[in-house]
Amino acid sequence: MKIDTVFLVAVAAMALASYACRVGGYVLMGYIPITPRVQAALKAIPLGVMIGIVTPSVAAGRVPEIAGLAAVVAAMKLTRNDLVAALGGAAIVALCRWAGL
């Protein structure tokens, strides 16, 4: 199996860009005073990202995605744990797809 040089360069460039974004965020946030308002905004970012990822799938109206969303809501009500809810929702979607729904 031969690996193309252009592919390796592209992967290396993407890895470097990803690392630069992560490090750059920490460096830039070092210059911003963390007020309660900024802290609240930073805590809200993961929720906004998850909503942006999930909304198009749920809007399509397919059974696995709607069942997964219901599982996430139920898990959050019961456990108040983001990780448990996300894993539970992903598991329900996977099971529904495996079952052919």
PDB file of N, CA and C in Angstrom:
ATOM      1  N   MET A   1       0.845  -1.177   0.000  1.00  0.00           N
ATOM      2  CA  MET A   1       0.000   0.000   0.000  1.00  0.00           C
ATOM      3  C   MET A   1       0.889   1.239   0.000  1.00  0.00           C
ATOM      4  N   LYS A   2       0.658   2.091  -0.965  1.00  0.00           N
ATOM      5  CA  LYS A   2       1.459   3.299  -1.096  1.00  0.00           C
ATOM      6  C   LYS A   2       0.665   4.492  -0.563  1.00  0.00           C
ATOM      7  N   ILE A   3       1.321   5.303   0.247  1.00  0.00           N
ATOM      8  CA  ILE A   3       0.674   6.488   0.807  1.00  0.00           C
ATOM      9  C   ILE A   3       1.132   7.702   0.019  1.00  0.00           C
ATOM     10  N   ASP A   4       0.176   8.465  -0.448  1.00  0.00           N
ATOM     11  CA  ASP A   4       0.460   9.650  -1.253  1.00  0.00           C
ATOM     12  C   ASP A   4       1.054  10.754  -0.382  1.00  0.00           C
ATOM     13  N   THR A   5       2.076  11.413  -0.882  1.00  0.00           N
ATOM     14  CA  THR A   5       2.736  12.490  -0.147  1.00  0.00           C
ATOM     15  C   THR A   5       1.788  13.668   0.078  1.00  0.00           C
ATOM     16  N   VAL A   6       0.978  13.968  -0.910  1.00  0.00           N
ATOM     17  CA  VAL A   6       0.032  15.082  -0.778  1.00  0.00           C
ATOM     18  C   VAL A   6      -0.942  14.807   0.373  1.00  0.00           C
ATOM     19  N   PHE A   7      -1.367  13.564   0.498  1.00  0.00           N
ATOM     20  CA  PHE A   7      -2.266  13.184   1.590  1.00  0.00           C
ATOM     21  C   PHE A   7      -1.596  13.407   2.941  1.00  0.00           C
ATOM     22  N   LEU A   8      -0.355  12.972   3.075  1.00  0.00           N
ATOM     23  CA  LEU A   8       0.370  13.151   4.334  1.00  0.00           C
ATOM     24  C   LEU A   8       0.556  14.622   4.673  1.00  0.00           C
ATOM     25  N   VAL A   9       0.864  15.431   3.673  1.00  0.00           N
ATOM     26  CA  VAL A   9       1.032  16.869   3.901  1.00  0.00           C
ATOM     27  C   VAL A   9      -0.301  17.486   4.327  1.00  0.00           C
ATOM     28  N   ALA A  10      -1.392  17.071   3.695  1.00  0.00           N
ATOM     29  CA  ALA A  10      -2.711  17.606   4.051  1.00  0.00           C
ATOM     30  C   ALA A  10      -3.082  17.231   5.487  1.00  0.00           C
ATOM     31  N   VAL A  11      -2.828  15.988   5.876  1.00  0.00           N
ATOM     32  CA  VAL A  11      -3.134  15.554   7.238  1.00  0.00           C
ATOM     33  C   VAL A  11      -2.275  16.319   8.239  1.00  0.00           C
ATOM     34  N   ALA A  12      -0.995  16.483   7.930  1.00  0.00           N
ATOM     35  CA  ALA A  12      -0.100  17.225   8.826  1.00  0.00           C
ATOM     36  C   ALA A  12      -0.546  18.678   8.949  1.00  0.00           C
ATOM     37  N   ALA A  13      -0.966  19.288   7.839  1.00  0.00           N
ATOM     38  CA  ALA A  13      -1.421  20.678   7.874  1.00  0.00           C
ATOM     39  C   ALA A  13      -2.696  20.815   8.705  1.00  0.00           C
ATOM     40  N   MET A  14      -3.610  19.857   8.567  1.00  0.00           N
ATOM     41  CA  MET A  14      -4.842  19.909   9.357  1.00  0.00           C
ATOM     42  C   MET A  14      -4.550  19.715  10.844  1.00  0.00           C
ATOM     43  N   ALA A  15      -3.626  18.822  11.153  1.00  0.00           N
ATOM     44  CA  ALA A  15      -3.252  18.611  12.556  1.00  0.00           C
ATOM     45  C   ALA A  15      -2.620  19.870  13.133  1.00  0.00           C
ATOM     46  N   LEU A  16      -1.760  20.503  12.366  1.00  0.00           N
ATOM     47  CA  LEU A  16      -1.113  21.739  12.814  1.00  0.00           C
ATOM     48  C   LEU A  16      -2.144  22.852  13.012  1.00  0.00           C
ATOM     49  N   ALA A  17      -3.090  22.974  12.081  1.00  0.00           N
ATOM     50  CA  ALA A  17      -4.132  23.999  12.210  1.00  0.00           C
ATOM     51  C   ALA A  17      -5.001  23.743  13.438  1.00  0.00           C
ATOM     52  N   SER A  18      -5.342  22.492  13.677  1.00  0.00           N
ATOM     53  CA  SER A  18      -6.143  22.146  14.851  1.00  0.00           C
ATOM     54  C   SER A  18      -5.396  22.477  16.139  1.00  0.00           C
ATOM     55  N   TYR A  19      -4.140  22.123  16.189  1.00  0.00           N
ATOM     56  CA  TYR A  19      -3.328  22.404  17.371  1.00  0.00           C
ATOM     57  C   TYR A  19      -3.179  23.914  17.572  1.00  0.00           C
ATOM     58  N   ALA A  20      -2.965  24.652  16.477  1.00  0.00           N
ATOM     59  CA  ALA A  20      -2.809  26.107  16.571  1.00  0.00           C
ATOM     60  C   ALA A  20      -4.088  26.764  17.096  1.00  0.00           C
ATOM     61  N   CYS A  21      -5.242  26.273  16.666  1.00  0.00           N
ATOM     62  CA  CYS A  21      -6.510  26.824  17.165  1.00  0.00           C
ATOM     63  C   CYS A  21      -6.660  26.574  18.659  1.00  0.00           C
ATOM     64  N   ARG A  22      -6.315  25.371  19.084  1.00  0.00           N
ATOM     65  CA  ARG A  22      -6.451  25.043  20.507  1.00  0.00           C
ATOM     66  C   ARG A  22      -5.500  25.885  21.353  1.00  0.00           C
ATOM     67  N   VAL A  23      -4.239  25.944  20.966  1.00  0.00           N
ATOM     68  CA  VAL A  23      -3.249  26.718  21.721  1.00  0.00           C
ATOM     69  C   VAL A  23      -3.568  28.207  21.639  1.00  0.00           C
ATOM     70  N   GLY A  24      -3.967  28.660  20.454  1.00  0.00           N
ATOM     71  CA  GLY A  24      -4.299  30.073  20.279  1.00  0.00           C
ATOM     72  C   GLY A  24      -5.434  30.515  21.181  1.00  0.00           C
ATOM     73  N   GLY A  25      -6.413  29.640  21.381  1.00  0.00           N
ATOM     74  CA  GLY A  25      -7.519  29.969  22.278  1.00  0.00           C
ATOM     75  C   GLY A  25      -7.047  30.193  23.702  1.00  0.00           C
ATOM     76  N   TYR A  26      -6.162  29.314  24.171  1.00  0.00           N
ATOM     77  CA  TYR A  26      -5.630  29.477  25.526  1.00  0.00           C
ATOM     78  C   TYR A  26      -4.794  30.749  25.640  1.00  0.00           C
ATOM     79  N   VAL A  27      -3.990  31.019  24.627  1.00  0.00           N
ATOM     80  CA  VAL A  27      -3.135  32.213  24.663  1.00  0.00           C
ATOM     81  C   VAL A  27      -3.994  33.475  24.658  1.00  0.00           C
ATOM     82  N   LEU A  28      -4.970  33.531  23.764  1.00  0.00           N
ATOM     83  CA  LEU A  28      -5.815  34.725  23.677  1.00  0.00           C
ATOM     84  C   LEU A  28      -6.669  34.921  24.932  1.00  0.00           C
ATOM     85  N   MET A  29      -7.160  33.831  25.502  1.00  0.00           N
ATOM     86  CA  MET A  29      -7.975  33.965  26.714  1.00  0.00           C
ATOM     87  C   MET A  29      -7.146  34.436  27.903  1.00  0.00           C
ATOM     88  N   GLY A  30      -5.832  34.326  27.813  1.00  0.00           N
ATOM     89  CA  GLY A  30      -4.969  34.840  28.871  1.00  0.00           C
ATOM     90  C   GLY A  30      -5.027  36.357  28.975  1.00  0.00           C
ATOM     91  N   TYR A  31      -5.462  37.021  27.903  1.00  0.00           N
ATOM     92  CA  TYR A  31      -5.542  38.480  27.886  1.00  0.00           C
ATOM     93  C   TYR A  31      -6.935  39.005  28.215  1.00  0.00           C
ATOM     94  N   ILE A  32      -7.905  38.111  28.390  1.00  0.00           N
ATOM     95  CA  ILE A  32      -9.282  38.526  28.643  1.00  0.00           C
ATOM     96  C   ILE A  32      -9.609  38.280  30.114  1.00  0.00           C
ATOM     97  N   PRO A  33     -10.046  39.332  30.816  1.00  0.00           N
ATOM     98  CA  PRO A  33     -10.431  39.111  32.217  1.00  0.00           C
ATOM     99  C   PRO A  33     -11.688  38.235  32.279  1.00  0.00           C
ATOM    100  N   ILE A  34     -11.663  37.238  33.140  1.00  0.00           N
ATOM    101  CA  ILE A  34     -12.788  36.311  33.262  1.00  0.00           C
ATOM    102  C   ILE A  34     -13.792  36.882  34.267  1.00  0.00           C
ATOM    103  N   THR A  35     -14.761  37.578  33.734  1.00  0.00           N
ATOM    104  CA  THR A  35     -15.847  38.118  34.549  1.00  0.00           C
ATOM    105  C   THR A  35     -16.943  37.054  34.651  1.00  0.00           C
ATOM    106  N   PRO A  36     -17.895  37.234  35.540  1.00  0.00           N
ATOM    107  CA  PRO A  36     -18.995  36.262  35.611  1.00  0.00           C
ATOM    108  C   PRO A  36     -19.742  36.124  34.280  1.00  0.00           C
ATOM    109  N   ARG A  37     -19.851  37.203  33.538  1.00  0.00           N
ATOM    110  CA  ARG A  37     -20.544  37.151  32.250  1.00  0.00           C
ATOM    111  C   ARG A  37     -19.763  36.318  31.235  1.00  0.00           C
ATOM    112  N   VAL A  38     -18.436  36.511  31.186  1.00  0.00           N
ATOM    113  CA  VAL A  38     -17.594  35.725  30.280  1.00  0.00           C
ATOM    114  C   VAL A  38     -17.627  34.255  30.690  1.00  0.00           C
ATOM    115  N   GLN A  39     -17.579  33.993  31.979  1.00  0.00           N
ATOM    116  CA  GLN A  39     -17.618  32.618  32.466  1.00  0.00           C
ATOM    117  C   GLN A  39     -18.937  31.943  32.082  1.00  0.00           C
ATOM    118  N   ALA A  40     -20.040  32.652  32.196  1.00  0.00           N
ATOM    119  CA  ALA A  40     -21.338  32.098  31.807  1.00  0.00           C
ATOM    120  C   ALA A  40     -21.376  31.808  30.310  1.00  0.00           C
ATOM    121  N   ALA A  41     -20.797  32.708  29.513  1.00  0.00           N
ATOM    122  CA  ALA A  41     -20.758  32.494  28.065  1.00  0.00           C
ATOM    123  C   ALA A  41     -19.922  31.267  27.718  1.00  0.00           C
ATOM    124  N   LEU A  42     -18.786  31.103  28.379  1.00  0.00           N
ATOM    125  CA  LEU A  42     -17.928  29.949  28.113  1.00  0.00           C
ATOM    126  C   LEU A  42     -18.604  28.640  28.517  1.00  0.00           C
ATOM    127  N   LYS A  43     -19.391  28.675  29.576  1.00  0.00           N
ATOM    128  CA  LYS A  43     -20.107  27.468  29.996  1.00  0.00           C
ATOM    129  C   LYS A  43     -21.233  27.123  29.028  1.00  0.00           C
ATOM    130  N   ALA A  44     -21.767  28.112  28.309  1.00  0.00           N
ATOM    131  CA  ALA A  44     -22.875  27.877  27.387  1.00  0.00           C
ATOM    132  C   ALA A  44     -22.411  27.370  26.026  1.00  0.00           C
ATOM    133  N   ILE A  45     -21.142  27.506  25.706  1.00  0.00           N
ATOM    134  CA  ILE A  45     -20.642  27.114  24.386  1.00  0.00           C
ATOM    135  C   ILE A  45     -20.874  25.633  24.084  1.00  0.00           C
ATOM    136  N   PRO A  46     -20.559  24.692  24.981  1.00  0.00           N
ATOM    137  CA  PRO A  46     -20.793  23.281  24.631  1.00  0.00           C
ATOM    138  C   PRO A  46     -22.250  22.980  24.290  1.00  0.00           C
ATOM    139  N   LEU A  47     -23.185  23.580  24.996  1.00  0.00           N
ATOM    140  CA  LEU A  47     -24.596  23.374  24.696  1.00  0.00           C
ATOM    141  C   LEU A  47     -24.925  23.894  23.300  1.00  0.00           C
ATOM    142  N   GLY A  48     -24.403  25.067  22.962  1.00  0.00           N
ATOM    143  CA  GLY A  48     -24.646  25.626  21.635  1.00  0.00           C
ATOM    144  C   GLY A  48     -24.081  24.752  20.527  1.00  0.00           C
ATOM    145  N   VAL A  49     -22.915  24.191  20.755  1.00  0.00           N
ATOM    146  CA  VAL A  49     -22.300  23.305  19.764  1.00  0.00           C
ATOM    147  C   VAL A  49     -23.140  22.038  19.600  1.00  0.00           C
ATOM    148  N   MET A  50     -23.566  21.445  20.707  1.00  0.00           N
ATOM    149  CA  MET A  50     -24.386  20.231  20.629  1.00  0.00           C
ATOM    150  C   MET A  50     -25.709  20.500  19.910  1.00  0.00           C
ATOM    151  N   ILE A  51     -26.319  21.631  20.179  1.00  0.00           N
ATOM    152  CA  ILE A  51     -27.574  21.969  19.500  1.00  0.00           C
ATOM    153  C   ILE A  51     -27.336  22.120  18.004  1.00  0.00           C
ATOM    154  N   GLY A  52     -26.235  22.761  17.639  1.00  0.00           N
ATOM    155  CA  GLY A  52     -25.910  22.926  16.226  1.00  0.00           C
ATOM    156  C   GLY A  52     -25.661  21.613  15.512  1.00  0.00           C
ATOM    157  N   ILE A  53     -25.133  20.635  16.225  1.00  0.00           N
ATOM    158  CA  ILE A  53     -24.874  19.326  15.623  1.00  0.00           C
ATOM    159  C   ILE A  53     -26.161  18.509  15.515  1.00  0.00           C
ATOM    160  N   VAL A  54     -26.991  18.555  16.533  1.00  0.00           N
ATOM    161  CA  VAL A  54     -28.164  17.687  16.621  1.00  0.00           C
ATOM    162  C   VAL A  54     -29.355  18.205  15.823  1.00  0.00           C
ATOM    163  N   THR A  55     -29.548  19.502  15.755  1.00  0.00           N
ATOM    164  CA  THR A  55     -30.751  20.080  15.148  1.00  0.00           C
ATOM    165  C   THR A  55     -31.017  19.605  13.721  1.00  0.00           C
ATOM    166  N   PRO A  56     -30.040  19.612  12.808  1.00  0.00           N
ATOM    167  CA  PRO A  56     -30.350  19.144  11.449  1.00  0.00           C
ATOM    168  C   PRO A  56     -30.815  17.687  11.403  1.00  0.00           C
ATOM    169  N   SER A  57     -30.242  16.836  12.239  1.00  0.00           N
ATOM    170  CA  SER A  57     -30.651  15.426  12.247  1.00  0.00           C
ATOM    171  C   SER A  57     -32.075  15.263  12.761  1.00  0.00           C
ATOM    172  N   VAL A  58     -32.390  15.954  13.839  1.00  0.00           N
ATOM    173  CA  VAL A  58     -33.735  15.838  14.411  1.00  0.00           C
ATOM    174  C   VAL A  58     -34.762  16.484  13.482  1.00  0.00           C
ATOM    175  N   ALA A  59     -34.390  17.562  12.817  1.00  0.00           N
ATOM    176  CA  ALA A  59     -35.318  18.243  11.915  1.00  0.00           C
ATOM    177  C   ALA A  59     -35.704  17.358  10.732  1.00  0.00           C
ATOM    178  N   ALA A  60     -34.853  16.387  10.391  1.00  0.00           N
ATOM    179  CA  ALA A  60     -35.177  15.474   9.297  1.00  0.00           C
ATOM    180  C   ALA A  60     -36.351  14.571   9.664  1.00  0.00           C
ATOM    181  N   GLY A  61     -36.611  14.419  10.963  1.00  0.00           N
ATOM    182  CA  GLY A  61     -37.787  13.692  11.411  1.00  0.00           C
ATOM    183  C   GLY A  61     -37.689  12.182  11.341  1.00  0.00           C
ATOM    184  N   ARG A  62     -36.479  11.630  11.308  1.00  0.00           N
ATOM    185  CA  ARG A  62     -36.332  10.177  11.266  1.00  0.00           C
ATOM    186  C   ARG A  62     -36.457   9.597  12.678  1.00  0.00           C
ATOM    187  N   VAL A  63     -36.924   8.377  12.765  1.00  0.00           N
ATOM    188  CA  VAL A  63     -37.204   7.733  14.052  1.00  0.00           C
ATOM    189  C   VAL A  63     -35.962   7.626  14.944  1.00  0.00           C
ATOM    190  N   PRO A  64     -34.800   7.158  14.455  1.00  0.00           N
ATOM    191  CA  PRO A  64     -33.655   7.010  15.365  1.00  0.00           C
ATOM    192  C   PRO A  64     -33.238   8.316  16.043  1.00  0.00           C
ATOM    193  N   GLU A  65     -33.225   9.392  15.289  1.00  0.00           N
ATOM    194  CA  GLU A  65     -32.797  10.667  15.853  1.00  0.00           C
ATOM    195  C   GLU A  65     -33.800  11.200  16.872  1.00  0.00           C
ATOM    196  N   ILE A  66     -35.075  11.054  16.590  1.00  0.00           N
ATOM    197  CA  ILE A  66     -36.095  11.524  17.530  1.00  0.00           C
ATOM    198  C   ILE A  66     -36.070  10.671  18.801  1.00  0.00           C
ATOM    199  N   ALA A  67     -35.887   9.361  18.648  1.00  0.00           N
ATOM    200  CA  ALA A  67     -35.780   8.487  19.821  1.00  0.00           C
ATOM    201  C   ALA A  67     -34.531   8.824  20.629  1.00  0.00           C
ATOM    202  N   GLY A  68     -33.437   9.123  19.945  1.00  0.00           N
ATOM    203  CA  GLY A  68     -32.208   9.514  20.636  1.00  0.00           C
ATOM    204  C   GLY A  68     -32.383  10.807  21.408  1.00  0.00           C
ATOM    205  N   LEU A  69     -33.074  11.771  20.805  1.00  0.00           N
ATOM    206  CA  LEU A  69     -33.331  13.031  21.495  1.00  0.00           C
ATOM    207  C   LEU A  69     -34.194  12.803  22.733  1.00  0.00           C
ATOM    208  N   ALA A  70     -35.203  11.955  22.603  1.00  0.00           N
ATOM    209  CA  ALA A  70     -36.049  11.643  23.763  1.00  0.00           C
ATOM    210  C   ALA A  70     -35.230  10.977  24.865  1.00  0.00           C
ATOM    211  N   ALA A  71     -34.300  10.109  24.474  1.00  0.00           N
ATOM    212  CA  ALA A  71     -33.441   9.451  25.465  1.00  0.00           C
ATOM    213  C   ALA A  71     -32.535  10.456  26.158  1.00  0.00           C
ATOM    214  N   VAL A  72     -32.026  11.417  25.405  1.00  0.00           N
ATOM    215  CA  VAL A  72     -31.170  12.453  25.999  1.00  0.00           C
ATOM    216  C   VAL A  72     -31.960  13.277  27.010  1.00  0.00           C
ATOM    217  N   VAL A  73     -33.159  13.672  26.636  1.00  0.00           N
ATOM    218  CA  VAL A  73     -33.992  14.464  27.550  1.00  0.00           C
ATOM    219  C   VAL A  73     -34.288  13.670  28.821  1.00  0.00           C
ATOM    220  N   ALA A  74     -34.646  12.401  28.666  1.00  0.00           N
ATOM    221  CA  ALA A  74     -34.952  11.570  29.832  1.00  0.00           C
ATOM    222  C   ALA A  74     -33.719  11.378  30.713  1.00  0.00           C
ATOM    223  N   ALA A  75     -32.572  11.123  30.092  1.00  0.00           N
ATOM    224  CA  ALA A  75     -31.346  10.917  30.869  1.00  0.00           C
ATOM    225  C   ALA A  75     -30.943  12.183  31.614  1.00  0.00           C
ATOM    226  N   MET A  76     -31.110  13.337  30.985  1.00  0.00           N
ATOM    227  CA  MET A  76     -30.776  14.593  31.664  1.00  0.00           C
ATOM    228  C   MET A  76     -31.715  14.840  32.838  1.00  0.00           C
ATOM    229  N   LYS A  77     -32.996  14.516  32.668  1.00  0.00           N
ATOM    230  CA  LYS A  77     -33.949  14.687  33.770  1.00  0.00           C
ATOM    231  C   LYS A  77     -33.591  13.782  34.946  1.00  0.00           C
ATOM    232  N   LEU A  78     -33.179  12.550  34.633  1.00  0.00           N
ATOM    233  CA  LEU A  78     -32.903  11.572  35.689  1.00  0.00           C
ATOM    234  C   LEU A  78     -31.530  11.742  36.323  1.00  0.00           C
ATOM    235  N   THR A  79     -30.501  11.997  35.510  1.00  0.00           N
ATOM    236  CA  THR A  79     -29.129  11.980  36.035  1.00  0.00           C
ATOM    237  C   THR A  79     -28.481  13.349  36.155  1.00  0.00           C
ATOM    238  N   ARG A  80     -28.938  14.319  35.379  1.00  0.00           N
ATOM    239  CA  ARG A  80     -28.312  15.649  35.336  1.00  0.00           C
ATOM    240  C   ARG A  80     -26.826  15.553  34.966  1.00  0.00           C
ATOM    241  N   ASN A  81     -26.496  14.586  34.102  1.00  0.00           N
ATOM    242  CA  ASN A  81     -25.119  14.357  33.694  1.00  0.00           C
ATOM    243  C   ASN A  81     -25.054  14.411  32.170  1.00  0.00           C
ATOM    244  N   ASP A  82     -24.306  15.392  31.639  1.00  0.00           N
ATOM    245  CA  ASP A  82     -24.214  15.574  30.188  1.00  0.00           C
ATOM    246  C   ASP A  82     -23.655  14.343  29.486  1.00  0.00           C
ATOM    247  N   LEU A  83     -22.613  13.764  30.055  1.00  0.00           N
ATOM    248  CA  LEU A  83     -21.963  12.620  29.418  1.00  0.00           C
ATOM    249  C   LEU A  83     -22.900  11.418  29.346  1.00  0.00           C
ATOM    250  N   VAL A  84     -23.591  11.133  30.430  1.00  0.00           N
ATOM    251  CA  VAL A  84     -24.538  10.013  30.441  1.00  0.00           C
ATOM    252  C   VAL A  84     -25.632  10.248  29.404  1.00  0.00           C
ATOM    253  N   ALA A  85     -26.143  11.473  29.329  1.00  0.00           N
ATOM    254  CA  ALA A  85     -27.203  11.790  28.376  1.00  0.00           C
ATOM    255  C   ALA A  85     -26.717  11.639  26.938  1.00  0.00           C
ATOM    256  N   ALA A  86     -25.530  12.165  26.637  1.00  0.00           N
ATOM    257  CA  ALA A  86     -25.002  12.077  25.272  1.00  0.00           C
ATOM    258  C   ALA A  86     -24.739  10.625  24.878  1.00  0.00           C
ATOM    259  N   LEU A  87     -24.139   9.859  25.769  1.00  0.00           N
ATOM    260  CA  LEU A  87     -23.868   8.449  25.463  1.00  0.00           C
ATOM    261  C   LEU A  87     -25.165   7.654  25.322  1.00  0.00           C
ATOM    262  N   GLY A  88     -26.135   7.947  26.178  1.00  0.00           N
ATOM    263  CA  GLY A  88     -27.423   7.264  26.078  1.00  0.00           C
ATOM    264  C   GLY A  88     -28.131   7.570  24.771  1.00  0.00           C
ATOM    265  N   GLY A  89     -28.125   8.830  24.374  1.00  0.00           N
ATOM    266  CA  GLY A  89     -28.747   9.208  23.108  1.00  0.00           C
ATOM    267  C   GLY A  89     -28.060   8.564  21.919  1.00  0.00           C
ATOM    268  N   ALA A  90     -26.728   8.554  21.930  1.00  0.00           N
ATOM    269  CA  ALA A  90     -25.981   7.919  20.839  1.00  0.00           C
ATOM    270  C   ALA A  90     -26.263   6.422  20.787  1.00  0.00           C
ATOM    271  N   ALA A  91     -26.372   5.795  21.959  1.00  0.00           N
ATOM    272  CA  ALA A  91     -26.666   4.359  21.999  1.00  0.00           C
ATOM    273  C   ALA A  91     -28.052   4.063  21.435  1.00  0.00           C
ATOM    274  N   ILE A  92     -29.026   4.887  21.764  1.00  0.00           N
ATOM    275  CA  ILE A  92     -30.385   4.679  21.255  1.00  0.00           C
ATOM    276  C   ILE A  92     -30.421   4.848  19.740  1.00  0.00           C
ATOM    277  N   VAL A  93     -29.739   5.860  19.226  1.00  0.00           N
ATOM    278  CA  VAL A  93     -29.685   6.055  17.768  1.00  0.00           C
ATOM    279  C   VAL A  93     -29.039   4.839  17.109  1.00  0.00           C
ATOM    280  N   ALA A  94     -27.930   4.366  17.676  1.00  0.00           N
ATOM    281  CA  ALA A  94     -27.244   3.202  17.106  1.00  0.00           C
ATOM    282  C   ALA A  94     -28.143   1.964  17.132  1.00  0.00           C
ATOM    283  N   LEU A  95     -28.838   1.746  18.247  1.00  0.00           N
ATOM    284  CA  LEU A  95     -29.731   0.586  18.340  1.00  0.00           C
ATOM    285  C   LEU A  95     -30.886   0.673  17.343  1.00  0.00           C
ATOM    286  N   CYS A  96     -31.455   1.861  17.201  1.00  0.00           N
ATOM    287  CA  CYS A  96     -32.554   2.035  16.246  1.00  0.00           C
ATOM    288  C   CYS A  96     -32.082   1.790  14.816  1.00  0.00           C
ATOM    289  N   ARG A  97     -30.906   2.292  14.485  1.00  0.00           N
ATOM    290  CA  ARG A  97     -30.377   2.064  13.135  1.00  0.00           C
ATOM    291  C   ARG A  97     -30.052   0.592  12.922  1.00  0.00           C
ATOM    292  N   TRP A  98     -29.508  -0.059  13.951  1.00  0.00           N
ATOM    293  CA  TRP A  98     -29.204  -1.482  13.859  1.00  0.00           C
ATOM    294  C   TRP A  98     -30.485  -2.292  13.642  1.00  0.00           C
ATOM    295  N   ALA A  99     -31.566  -1.848  14.297  1.00  0.00           N
ATOM    296  CA  ALA A  99     -32.854  -2.535  14.170  1.00  0.00           C
ATOM    297  C   ALA A  99     -33.551  -2.220  12.850  1.00  0.00           C
ATOM    298  N   GLY A 100     -32.998  -1.294  12.087  1.00  0.00           N
ATOM    299  CA  GLY A 100     -33.563  -0.975  10.781  1.00  0.00           C
ATOM    300  C   GLY A 100     -34.668   0.063  10.801  1.00  0.00           C
ATOM    301  N   LEU A 101     -34.774   0.806  11.880  1.00  0.00           N
ATOM    302  CA  LEU A 101     -35.815   1.848  11.963  1.00  0.00           C
ATOM    303  C   LEU A 101     -35.420   3.097  11.206  1.00  0.00           C
TER     304      LEU A 101
END
